[in-house]
Amino acid sequence: MKLIVAMSSLLLATVSQAQEAPRSAPAPSPDVKIVAPQLDTYTRELLFGDVWKRKELSPRDRSLVTLSSLLANGQSALMTGHLNLALDNGLLPKEISALITHLAFYTGWPNAMSAVGVAKAVFAQRGIQIATPSSEPASLLTPDAESEKHRRAAVAAATSGVAPDLGNYTNEVLFGDLWRQSDLTPRDRSLITMAALIARGQAEQLPFHLNRAMDSGLTREQAGEVVTHLAFYAGWPRAMSAVPVIKAVFESREK
């Protein structure tokens, strides 16, 4: 699909002889200490002094989850620090590009387009070059045939007679192309989709994507830590609303 290739290529990047910046938390605005000193303390001592150091998720996973939450809620003003931290935590520029492109489908084009400008500025500041799009067709991952059969049937049942073209785009573009791109692993795509859904308060969409994530290697402990981490970035109500949905998925997988 030319649309997806164009968006994916927009931010594909390679590092050009740039020294790696020291890994550190994004500094809160000096105004926080003046206006809300207790918030400043929580930010330094709880959020970055404790939550980000928990071993249940790797720093790279936490950056994936955080960037997904910020993008999902249109909080691009806070993305600069976290994009730098993500690069320090091992995310490749092409993976950040893939995250933005993927979440355009789950959180809307405007949120993704806003993130593009922020990422471009961070890449420029760090001396990261924007790669020229390749003329070679990208190699696509091969989905499980049986799972695809059931997924297509579910999409057809949901959209037939109401929005058949939505069903077609879902099958041919979203899952037939985007999810098969190899610039993020299937686990990473499921992880960022889960994070975006929780951040937007769309927990009803979680079962399919959590099952898919766990089929791709996400553990129960990691899934629980995702929602714990997101409480700080998307708010306690959305995290707590996701908990019973996640619990139900765990229980269904034990049967």
Protein backbone atom coordinates (compact mmCIF):
# COMPACT_ATOMS: atom_id res chain seq x y z
CA MET A 1 0.00 0.00 0.00
CA LYS A 2 1.54 3.32 -1.13
CA LEU A 3 -0.10 5.18 1.78
CA ILE A 4 1.54 3.02 4.39
CA VAL A 5 4.90 2.96 2.65
CA ALA A 6 4.86 6.77 2.47
CA MET A 7 3.99 7.21 6.15
CA SER A 8 6.44 4.54 7.28
CA SER A 9 9.20 6.09 5.21
CA LEU A 10 8.57 9.60 6.52
CA LEU A 11 10.56 9.02 9.69
CA LEU A 12 12.73 6.00 8.86
CA ALA A 13 16.11 7.08 10.16
CA THR A 14 19.65 5.97 10.75
CA VAL A 15 22.11 7.32 13.31
CA SER A 16 24.99 9.23 11.74
CA GLN A 17 28.03 9.23 14.00
CA ALA A 18 26.18 10.79 16.91
CA GLN A 19 27.30 10.18 20.46
CA GLU A 20 24.66 8.51 22.60
CA ALA A 21 23.20 10.91 25.13
CA PRO A 22 23.30 9.85 28.78
CA ARG A 23 20.20 7.95 29.83
CA SER A 24 18.18 10.20 32.11
CA ALA A 25 14.61 11.10 32.91
CA PRO A 26 13.00 14.08 31.19
CA ALA A 27 13.42 17.06 33.48
CA PRO A 28 10.13 18.52 34.76
CA SER A 29 9.49 22.20 34.16
CA PRO A 30 10.97 24.46 36.87
CA ASP A 31 7.44 25.82 37.28
CA VAL A 32 6.31 22.51 38.77
CA LYS A 33 8.44 23.01 41.87
CA ILE A 34 7.03 26.51 42.33
CA VAL A 35 3.36 25.80 41.61
CA ALA A 36 3.02 22.18 42.82
CA PRO A 37 6.05 21.18 44.90
CA GLN A 38 4.48 17.89 45.99
CA LEU A 39 3.96 16.99 42.32
CA ASP A 40 7.62 17.77 41.70
CA THR A 41 8.55 15.40 44.52
CA TYR A 42 6.28 12.65 43.20
CA THR A 43 7.72 13.11 39.71
CA ARG A 44 11.33 12.81 40.81
CA GLU A 45 11.05 10.29 43.62
CA LEU A 46 8.03 8.17 42.68
CA LEU A 47 7.63 8.26 38.90
CA PHE A 48 11.27 8.32 37.83
CA GLY A 49 12.84 7.25 41.09
CA ASP A 50 10.66 4.14 41.48
CA VAL A 51 8.19 3.29 38.69
CA TRP A 52 10.63 3.65 35.81
CA LYS A 53 13.17 1.51 37.68
CA ARG A 54 10.85 -1.44 38.30
CA LYS A 55 12.13 -4.63 36.71
CA GLU A 56 8.77 -5.98 35.52
CA LEU A 57 9.19 -4.09 32.24
CA SER A 58 12.41 -3.18 30.47
CA PRO A 59 13.20 0.54 30.01
CA ARG A 60 12.61 0.04 26.28
CA ASP A 61 9.13 -1.37 26.91
CA ARG A 62 8.33 1.50 29.27
CA SER A 63 9.32 3.97 26.56
CA LEU A 64 7.07 2.19 24.04
CA VAL A 65 4.17 2.31 26.48
CA THR A 66 4.75 5.95 27.46
CA LEU A 67 5.11 7.23 23.90
CA SER A 68 1.94 5.34 22.96
CA SER A 69 0.02 6.98 25.78
CA LEU A 70 1.26 10.48 24.95
CA LEU A 71 0.50 10.06 21.25
CA ALA A 72 -2.91 8.50 21.93
CA ASN A 73 -4.04 11.49 23.94
CA GLY A 74 -2.51 14.13 21.69
CA GLN A 75 0.06 15.16 24.30
CA SER A 76 2.81 15.88 21.78
CA ALA A 77 4.15 18.76 23.88
CA LEU A 78 5.47 16.20 26.37
CA MET A 79 6.96 13.89 23.75
CA THR A 80 10.34 15.59 23.28
CA GLY A 81 11.81 14.40 26.56
CA HIS A 82 10.34 10.93 26.18
CA LEU A 83 11.53 10.55 22.59
CA ASN A 84 15.06 11.31 23.77
CA LEU A 85 14.66 8.86 26.63
CA ALA A 86 13.29 6.23 24.25
CA LEU A 87 16.34 6.54 22.00
CA ASP A 88 18.58 6.27 25.06
CA ASN A 89 16.60 3.18 26.11
CA GLY A 90 17.35 1.41 22.85
CA LEU A 91 14.44 2.26 20.56
CA LEU A 92 15.64 2.73 16.99
CA PRO A 93 14.53 5.76 14.98
CA LYS A 94 12.80 3.43 12.50
CA GLU A 95 10.88 1.85 15.41
CA ILE A 96 9.69 5.27 16.56
CA SER A 97 8.59 5.93 12.98
CA ALA A 98 6.73 2.61 12.96
CA LEU A 99 5.06 3.41 16.31
CA ILE A 100 3.77 6.74 15.00
CA THR A 101 2.51 5.15 11.79
CA HIS A 102 0.85 2.24 13.60
CA LEU A 103 -0.94 4.44 16.09
CA ALA A 104 -2.32 6.68 13.35
CA PHE A 105 -4.75 3.81 12.75
CA TYR A 106 -5.63 3.38 16.43
CA THR A 107 -5.66 6.96 17.70
CA GLY A 108 -6.27 8.99 14.54
CA TRP A 109 -4.20 10.70 11.88
CA PRO A 110 -4.11 14.13 13.66
CA ASN A 111 -2.38 12.68 16.73
CA ALA A 112 0.18 10.89 14.56
CA MET A 113 0.84 13.94 12.39
CA SER A 114 1.42 16.06 15.49
CA ALA A 115 3.95 13.51 16.75
CA VAL A 116 5.79 13.57 13.41
CA GLY A 117 6.87 17.19 13.90
CA VAL A 118 8.15 16.52 17.42
CA ALA A 119 10.08 13.44 16.31
CA LYS A 120 11.63 15.32 13.40
CA ALA A 121 12.95 18.01 15.77
CA VAL A 122 14.39 15.40 18.17
CA PHE A 123 16.06 13.52 15.32
CA ALA A 124 17.56 16.75 13.99
CA GLN A 125 18.85 17.75 17.43
CA ARG A 126 20.54 14.36 17.85
CA GLY A 127 22.04 14.32 14.37
CA ILE A 128 19.82 11.49 13.11
CA GLN A 129 19.38 11.46 9.36
CA ILE A 130 16.02 10.80 7.73
CA ALA A 131 16.50 7.78 5.47
CA THR A 132 15.56 7.85 1.81
CA PRO A 133 12.62 5.53 1.09
CA SER A 134 13.72 2.28 -0.51
CA SER A 135 12.40 1.37 -3.93
CA GLU A 136 12.42 -2.29 -2.90
CA PRO A 137 9.10 -3.66 -1.59
CA ALA A 138 9.19 -4.29 2.14
CA SER A 139 9.19 -7.91 3.28
CA LEU A 140 5.97 -8.70 5.13
CA LEU A 141 5.52 -11.04 8.07
CA THR A 142 3.37 -14.09 7.45
CA PRO A 143 0.35 -14.30 9.79
CA ASP A 144 -1.02 -17.52 11.23
CA ALA A 145 -3.56 -18.78 8.69
CA GLU A 146 -6.04 -20.17 11.21
CA SER A 147 -5.99 -17.04 13.38
CA GLU A 148 -6.48 -14.88 10.30
CA LYS A 149 -9.47 -16.96 9.24
CA HIS A 150 -11.20 -16.40 12.59
CA ARG A 151 -10.26 -12.71 12.67
CA ARG A 152 -11.62 -12.09 9.18
CA ALA A 153 -14.85 -13.85 10.08
CA ALA A 154 -15.23 -11.66 13.18
CA VAL A 155 -14.61 -8.49 11.16
CA ALA A 156 -17.13 -9.55 8.53
CA ALA A 157 -19.75 -10.28 11.18
CA ALA A 158 -19.20 -6.89 12.80
CA THR A 159 -19.17 -4.73 9.68
CA SER A 160 -21.32 -6.53 7.10
CA GLY A 161 -24.47 -4.60 6.27
CA VAL A 162 -23.29 -1.51 8.12
CA ALA A 163 -19.80 -0.51 6.96
CA PRO A 164 -18.47 -3.15 4.56
CA ASP A 165 -15.68 -0.87 3.35
CA LEU A 166 -14.50 -0.50 6.93
CA GLY A 167 -14.26 -4.27 7.00
CA ASN A 168 -12.27 -4.22 3.77
CA TYR A 169 -9.82 -1.62 5.08
CA THR A 170 -9.51 -3.59 8.32
CA ASN A 171 -8.64 -6.79 6.50
CA GLU A 172 -6.58 -5.49 3.59
CA VAL A 173 -4.78 -2.47 5.09
CA LEU A 174 -4.77 -2.67 8.89
CA PHE A 175 -4.11 -6.40 9.28
CA GLY A 176 -3.17 -7.27 5.69
CA ASP A 177 -0.38 -4.69 5.49
CA LEU A 178 0.32 -2.60 8.61
CA TRP A 179 0.44 -5.48 11.11
CA ARG A 180 2.66 -7.44 8.74
CA GLN A 181 5.35 -4.75 8.50
CA SER A 182 8.63 -5.97 9.99
CA ASP A 183 9.89 -2.67 11.45
CA LEU A 184 8.26 -3.59 14.78
CA THR A 185 7.93 -7.09 16.20
CA PRO A 186 4.38 -8.49 16.61
CA ARG A 187 4.84 -8.23 20.40
CA ASP A 188 5.79 -4.55 20.13
CA ARG A 189 2.79 -3.80 17.90
CA SER A 190 0.46 -5.48 20.37
CA LEU A 191 2.12 -3.70 23.29
CA ILE A 192 1.71 -0.21 21.79
CA THR A 193 -1.85 -0.98 20.70
CA MET A 194 -2.76 -2.12 24.22
CA ALA A 195 -1.14 0.96 25.74
CA ALA A 196 -2.98 3.30 23.38
CA LEU A 197 -6.35 1.64 24.03
CA ILE A 198 -5.91 1.85 27.81
CA ALA A 199 -4.71 5.45 27.57
CA ARG A 200 -7.82 6.40 25.57
CA GLY A 201 -10.17 4.57 27.92
CA GLN A 202 -11.15 1.99 25.28
CA ALA A 203 -10.78 -1.07 27.47
CA GLU A 204 -13.56 -2.89 25.61
CA GLN A 205 -11.11 -3.35 22.72
CA LEU A 206 -8.43 -4.89 24.95
CA PRO A 207 -9.26 -8.65 24.97
CA PHE A 208 -8.33 -9.27 21.33
CA HIS A 209 -5.11 -7.28 21.54
CA LEU A 210 -4.06 -8.59 24.96
CA ASN A 211 -4.54 -12.17 23.78
CA ARG A 212 -2.56 -11.35 20.66
CA ALA A 213 0.20 -9.79 22.80
CA MET A 214 0.40 -12.82 25.08
CA ASP A 215 0.46 -15.14 22.07
CA SER A 216 3.49 -13.11 20.93
CA GLY A 217 5.31 -13.47 24.25
CA LEU A 218 3.97 -10.80 26.63
CA THR A 219 3.73 -12.32 30.11
CA ARG A 220 0.98 -11.83 32.69
CA GLU A 221 3.44 -9.96 34.90
CA GLN A 222 4.35 -7.61 32.04
CA ALA A 223 0.71 -7.01 31.12
CA GLY A 224 -0.03 -6.07 34.72
CA GLU A 225 2.93 -3.74 34.77
CA VAL A 226 1.75 -2.01 31.58
CA VAL A 227 -1.49 -0.96 33.26
CA THR A 228 0.39 0.05 36.44
CA HIS A 229 2.76 2.23 34.42
CA LEU A 230 -0.12 3.79 32.49
CA ALA A 231 -1.86 4.87 35.68
CA PHE A 232 0.77 7.60 35.89
CA TYR A 233 0.47 8.68 32.25
CA ALA A 234 -3.20 8.13 31.41
CA GLY A 235 -4.65 8.51 34.90
CA TRP A 236 -5.90 6.14 37.57
CA PRO A 237 -9.51 5.90 36.30
CA ARG A 238 -8.48 4.55 32.90
CA ALA A 239 -5.97 2.16 34.43
CA MET A 240 -8.49 0.86 36.95
CA SER A 241 -11.12 0.46 34.21
CA ALA A 242 -8.70 -1.77 32.31
CA VAL A 243 -7.92 -4.03 35.27
CA PRO A 244 -11.12 -6.17 35.21
CA VAL A 245 -10.83 -6.58 31.43
CA ILE A 246 -7.24 -7.79 31.78
CA LYS A 247 -8.23 -10.08 34.66
CA ALA A 248 -10.97 -11.64 32.51
CA VAL A 249 -8.45 -12.35 29.74
CA PHE A 250 -6.09 -14.01 32.21
CA GLU A 251 -8.90 -16.19 33.50
CA SER A 252 -10.07 -17.14 30.01
CA ARG A 253 -6.58 -18.32 29.10
CA GLU A 254 -6.50 -20.64 32.11
CA LYS A 255 -9.53 -22.63 30.94
